[in-house]
Amino acid sequence: MTRVIVAMIAALMLAAPLMAKEMKIGYIDSEAILQQYPDYQEAQRKLQEEEQKYVAEAQAKEQVVTTMLEEIQQQSLMLSAEARTEREQKLIEKRRELEQFRSETWGEGGKLYTKNMELSRPILERINQAIEKISQQDGYDMVFDAAGGNIVFALPQHDITEIVLAELKKE
């Protein structure tokens, strides 16, 4: 029994230096990386151009709806009940089309979301690859993102944002 206890104590003593190894931790500011990374800026510019096209299309559709409504209101006294009902049905249909367009464009999983993912995904993958490369080269055990606001305090010497940006510029 004493041999087992002595063996356990010896094993713990041998393992103690391994457990006492200091962890190397760093952090990045992903928002700063994105703001300073030219590829991301270009992707955002393309996305804004795409959005402007959709905004113009939505405004044109809104104008059609507004015009139809005004026509119905102006001609309401001159229209027969049947003609008025027909125009109101067309107006309702145009409003539905407008709402569907808005939903398909700006809604969850819409055209702009899909385009944003299409443009951003390769950029975010490159950023993550750069972070992994630096982490492995410099022996970081963990790298946190300060942009989420979850880091209350960290010494500036642990900030590897500029190192990541330098690595991205090499590519």
Protein backbone atom coordinates (compact mmCIF):
# COMPACT_ATOMS: atom_id res chain seq x y z
CA MET A 1 0.00 0.00 0.00
CA THR A 2 2.81 2.40 0.85
CA ARG A 3 4.47 1.60 -2.48
CA VAL A 4 1.30 2.71 -4.28
CA ILE A 5 1.19 5.95 -2.32
CA VAL A 6 4.90 6.60 -2.95
CA ALA A 7 4.37 5.89 -6.68
CA MET A 8 1.43 8.30 -6.80
CA ILE A 9 3.41 11.04 -5.06
CA ALA A 10 6.33 10.50 -7.45
CA ALA A 11 4.00 10.67 -10.45
CA LEU A 12 2.47 13.91 -9.16
CA MET A 13 5.91 15.40 -8.61
CA LEU A 14 6.94 14.53 -12.15
CA ALA A 15 3.70 15.91 -13.59
CA ALA A 16 3.77 19.15 -11.57
CA PRO A 17 6.14 21.00 -13.94
CA LEU A 18 3.94 20.07 -16.88
CA MET A 19 0.81 21.38 -15.16
CA ALA A 20 2.60 24.53 -14.04
CA LYS A 21 3.39 25.55 -17.64
CA GLU A 22 2.19 29.06 -18.16
CA MET A 23 -0.45 29.48 -20.83
CA LYS A 24 0.22 32.02 -23.56
CA ILE A 25 -2.90 34.02 -24.29
CA GLY A 26 -3.49 36.72 -26.86
CA TYR A 27 -6.38 38.71 -28.17
CA ILE A 28 -7.41 40.43 -31.38
CA ASP A 29 -9.89 43.14 -32.25
CA SER A 30 -11.79 41.65 -35.19
CA GLU A 31 -13.59 44.93 -35.89
CA ALA A 32 -10.25 46.72 -36.26
CA ILE A 33 -8.96 43.95 -38.52
CA LEU A 34 -12.04 44.18 -40.74
CA GLN A 35 -11.87 47.99 -40.89
CA GLN A 36 -8.20 47.92 -41.87
CA TYR A 37 -8.29 44.94 -44.24
CA PRO A 38 -8.62 46.19 -47.86
CA ASP A 39 -10.27 42.99 -49.11
CA TYR A 40 -13.06 43.40 -46.57
CA GLN A 41 -13.49 47.07 -47.50
CA GLU A 42 -13.85 46.06 -51.16
CA ALA A 43 -16.42 43.41 -50.26
CA GLN A 44 -18.40 45.98 -48.29
CA ARG A 45 -18.27 48.40 -51.22
CA LYS A 46 -19.63 45.69 -53.55
CA LEU A 47 -22.37 44.86 -51.05
CA GLN A 48 -23.37 48.53 -50.78
CA GLU A 49 -23.55 48.80 -54.58
CA GLU A 50 -25.79 45.75 -54.65
CA GLU A 51 -27.97 47.18 -51.90
CA GLN A 52 -28.34 50.48 -53.76
CA LYS A 53 -29.74 48.57 -56.74
CA TYR A 54 -32.27 46.87 -54.48
CA VAL A 55 -33.17 50.18 -52.81
CA ALA A 56 -33.83 51.74 -56.22
CA GLU A 57 -35.98 48.76 -57.22
CA ALA A 58 -37.93 48.94 -53.95
CA GLN A 59 -38.48 52.68 -54.39
CA ALA A 60 -39.81 52.10 -57.92
CA LYS A 61 -42.22 49.47 -56.58
CA GLU A 62 -43.29 51.82 -53.77
CA GLN A 63 -43.92 54.56 -56.33
CA VAL A 64 -46.18 52.22 -58.33
CA VAL A 65 -48.18 51.44 -55.18
CA THR A 66 -48.44 55.14 -54.24
CA THR A 67 -49.52 56.10 -57.76
CA MET A 68 -52.16 53.36 -57.86
CA LEU A 69 -53.51 54.43 -54.47
CA GLU A 70 -53.68 58.09 -55.53
CA GLU A 71 -55.47 57.16 -58.76
CA ILE A 72 -58.04 55.13 -56.87
CA GLN A 73 -58.64 57.99 -54.43
CA GLN A 74 -58.89 60.62 -57.18
CA GLN A 75 -61.18 58.56 -59.40
CA SER A 76 -63.24 56.91 -56.67
CA LEU A 77 -66.37 58.91 -57.44
CA MET A 78 -66.12 58.24 -61.17
CA LEU A 79 -65.40 54.50 -60.95
CA SER A 80 -68.09 51.87 -60.85
CA ALA A 81 -68.03 49.57 -57.82
CA GLU A 82 -66.72 46.77 -60.02
CA ALA A 83 -63.89 48.91 -61.49
CA ARG A 84 -62.98 50.23 -58.03
CA THR A 85 -62.86 46.69 -56.60
CA GLU A 86 -60.71 45.55 -59.51
CA ARG A 87 -58.21 48.39 -58.99
CA GLU A 88 -58.15 47.80 -55.24
CA GLN A 89 -57.34 44.13 -55.88
CA LYS A 90 -54.49 45.16 -58.19
CA LEU A 91 -53.26 47.55 -55.49
CA ILE A 92 -53.37 44.78 -52.89
CA GLU A 93 -51.40 42.54 -55.26
CA LYS A 94 -48.77 45.24 -55.85
CA ARG A 95 -48.44 45.76 -52.09
CA ARG A 96 -47.94 42.01 -51.63
CA GLU A 97 -45.28 42.02 -54.35
CA LEU A 98 -43.53 44.91 -52.64
CA GLU A 99 -43.55 43.19 -49.25
CA GLN A 100 -42.37 39.94 -50.81
CA PHE A 101 -39.54 41.81 -52.56
CA ARG A 102 -38.52 43.45 -49.29
CA SER A 103 -38.61 40.13 -47.46
CA GLU A 104 -36.67 38.28 -50.16
CA THR A 105 -34.08 41.04 -50.30
CA TRP A 106 -33.60 42.26 -46.72
CA GLY A 107 -35.21 39.46 -44.72
CA GLU A 108 -33.46 36.63 -42.98
CA GLY A 109 -31.72 34.53 -45.59
CA GLY A 110 -32.54 37.17 -48.22
CA LYS A 111 -30.55 38.23 -51.25
CA LEU A 112 -28.39 40.74 -49.36
CA TYR A 113 -27.65 38.28 -46.56
CA THR A 114 -26.65 35.66 -49.12
CA LYS A 115 -24.47 38.14 -51.03
CA ASN A 116 -22.83 39.28 -47.79
CA MET A 117 -22.01 35.69 -46.88
CA GLU A 118 -20.71 35.02 -50.38
CA LEU A 119 -18.38 38.03 -50.20
CA SER A 120 -17.39 37.75 -46.51
CA ARG A 121 -16.86 34.01 -46.07
CA PRO A 122 -13.52 33.76 -47.96
CA ILE A 123 -12.23 36.89 -46.22
CA LEU A 124 -13.16 35.60 -42.76
CA GLU A 125 -11.53 32.27 -43.60
CA ARG A 126 -8.29 34.07 -44.55
CA ILE A 127 -8.39 36.05 -41.30
CA ASN A 128 -8.95 32.88 -39.26
CA GLN A 129 -6.10 31.14 -41.10
CA ALA A 130 -3.79 34.06 -40.31
CA ILE A 131 -4.81 33.93 -36.62
CA GLU A 132 -4.20 30.16 -36.53
CA LYS A 133 -0.81 30.53 -38.24
CA ILE A 134 0.35 33.21 -35.80
CA SER A 135 -1.02 31.24 -32.85
CA GLN A 136 0.92 28.15 -33.87
CA GLN A 137 4.11 30.04 -34.78
CA ASP A 138 4.20 32.07 -31.59
CA GLY A 139 2.86 29.36 -29.28
CA TYR A 140 -0.44 30.92 -28.24
CA ASP A 141 -2.68 28.52 -26.33
CA MET A 142 -5.73 30.78 -26.75
CA VAL A 143 -6.66 33.87 -28.73
CA PHE A 144 -9.75 35.84 -27.79
CA ASP A 145 -11.68 38.46 -29.74
CA ALA A 146 -11.96 41.76 -27.87
CA ALA A 147 -14.56 43.11 -30.31
CA GLY A 148 -17.35 41.16 -28.61
CA GLY A 149 -16.80 43.13 -25.43
CA ASN A 150 -16.18 40.01 -23.37
CA ILE A 151 -12.66 40.98 -22.33
CA VAL A 152 -12.85 43.31 -19.38
CA PHE A 153 -9.11 43.95 -19.14
CA ALA A 154 -6.01 42.81 -21.00
CA LEU A 155 -2.53 44.21 -21.25
CA PRO A 156 -1.79 45.76 -24.65
CA GLN A 157 1.22 43.46 -25.04
CA HIS A 158 -1.21 40.56 -25.52
CA ASP A 159 -2.92 42.30 -28.47
CA ILE A 160 -1.92 40.54 -31.69
CA THR A 161 -4.24 42.51 -33.99
CA GLU A 162 -1.36 44.29 -35.78
CA ILE A 163 0.51 41.00 -36.19
CA VAL A 164 -2.57 39.47 -37.84
CA LEU A 165 -2.92 42.50 -40.14
CA ALA A 166 0.76 42.21 -41.09
CA GLU A 167 0.26 38.52 -41.89
CA LEU A 168 -2.76 39.34 -44.04
CA LYS A 169 -0.75 41.93 -45.98
CA LYS A 170 1.81 39.24 -46.87
CA GLU A 171 -0.81 37.27 -48.78
